Protein backbone atom coordinates (compact mmCIF):
# COMPACT_ATOMS: atom_id res chain seq x y z
CA MET A 1 -29.45 7.61 78.16
CA SER A 2 -31.32 4.57 76.79
CA SER A 3 -35.11 3.32 77.29
CA CYS A 4 -33.81 -0.47 77.15
CA GLY A 5 -31.77 -0.16 80.39
CA PRO A 6 -28.50 1.01 81.50
CA ILE A 7 -25.42 0.77 78.93
CA SER A 8 -22.18 -0.35 80.52
CA SER A 9 -18.75 1.39 79.39
CA GLU A 10 -17.74 -1.55 77.82
CA GLN A 11 -20.78 -1.63 75.79
CA ILE A 12 -20.50 1.93 74.45
CA THR A 13 -16.88 1.21 73.68
CA ILE A 14 -17.35 -1.48 71.67
CA LEU A 15 -20.50 -0.08 70.03
CA SER A 16 -18.19 3.17 69.15
CA THR A 17 -15.78 1.37 67.69
CA LEU A 18 -17.88 -0.58 65.45
CA ILE A 19 -19.35 2.63 64.20
CA GLY A 20 -16.08 3.79 63.06
CA VAL A 21 -14.91 0.98 61.34
CA LEU A 22 -18.01 1.09 59.80
CA LEU A 23 -18.12 4.42 59.00
CA SER A 24 -14.72 4.25 57.58
CA GLU A 25 -15.32 0.92 55.00
CA ASP A 26 -16.07 3.47 51.82
CA LEU A 27 -13.62 6.44 52.82
CA ASN A 28 -10.31 7.37 51.56
CA VAL A 29 -7.67 8.11 54.21
CA ASP A 30 -8.34 12.07 53.91
CA GLU A 31 -12.18 11.42 54.26
CA GLN A 32 -11.27 9.22 57.00
CA ASN A 33 -9.46 12.19 58.56
CA ILE A 34 -11.97 14.87 57.62
CA LEU A 35 -14.67 12.61 59.30
CA GLY A 36 -12.47 11.63 62.54
CA ASN A 37 -11.75 15.55 63.22
CA ILE A 38 -15.39 16.36 62.56
CA LEU A 39 -16.45 13.92 65.48
CA ILE A 40 -13.46 15.09 67.57
CA ASN A 41 -14.75 18.59 67.09
CA ILE A 42 -18.32 17.55 68.05
CA GLY A 43 -17.07 15.52 70.98
CA GLN A 44 -15.13 18.39 72.16
CA ALA A 45 -18.58 21.08 71.94
CA LEU A 46 -20.26 18.22 73.96
CA VAL A 47 -17.91 17.76 76.61
CA THR A 48 -17.42 21.82 77.15
CA ILE A 49 -21.17 21.96 77.18
CA ALA A 50 -21.63 19.61 79.97
CA SER A 51 -18.54 20.99 81.75
CA LEU A 52 -20.08 24.52 82.25
CA GLU A 53 -23.38 22.75 82.78
CA ALA A 54 -21.99 20.92 85.91
CA ILE A 55 -20.17 24.05 86.85
CA GLN A 56 -23.51 26.16 86.98
CA GLN A 57 -25.08 23.41 88.91
CA PHE A 58 -22.35 23.24 91.40
CA GLN A 59 -22.54 26.89 91.44
CA GLN A 60 -26.30 26.74 92.23
CA ASN A 61 -26.04 23.91 94.59
CA GLY A 62 -23.57 26.13 96.62
CA LYS A 63 -25.59 29.45 96.80
CA GLN A 64 -28.67 27.23 97.79
CA GLN A 65 -26.34 25.76 100.76
CA ASN A 66 -25.28 29.15 101.43
CA GLN A 67 -28.82 30.54 102.06
CA LEU A 68 -29.69 27.84 104.28
CA ILE A 69 -26.54 28.12 106.35
CA CYS A 70 -27.39 31.96 106.93
CA LYS A 71 -31.05 31.04 107.70
CA GLN A 72 -29.72 28.41 110.51
CA LEU A 73 -27.42 31.42 111.61
CA ASP A 74 -30.30 33.79 111.79
CA GLN A 75 -31.90 31.39 113.33
CA LEU A 76 -29.13 30.63 116.30
CA ASN A 77 -28.68 34.44 116.70
CA SER A 78 -32.84 34.51 117.50
CA GLN A 79 -32.10 31.67 119.94
CA ILE A 80 -29.32 33.10 121.41
CA ASN A 81 -31.00 36.37 121.88
CA LEU A 82 -33.80 34.96 123.60
CA LEU A 83 -31.72 32.87 125.96
CA LYS A 84 -29.98 36.01 126.82
CA GLN A 85 -33.32 37.85 127.35
CA GLN A 86 -34.08 34.87 129.92
CA ILE A 87 -31.18 35.36 131.66
CA LYS A 88 -31.56 39.10 132.25
CA ASN A 89 -34.86 38.13 133.85
């Protein structure tokens, strides 16, 4: 997020509050409501996009994990078949 190092949740909260106060200083009540609604809408869009990306990443990781498990099962089945052949001989 920042090249200056990690920002704590407290610092982000203080920063966002300060920005909100500064933005509202020269606005009337209607303008404050309009700007607030726009910012909320932007926030909702960002959260929705992040959620969808997280779901896609989780699904991709699940597919990779399933492929690995299937490969391991195939290897185990091959080893079982080799053991069966050795027992027969």
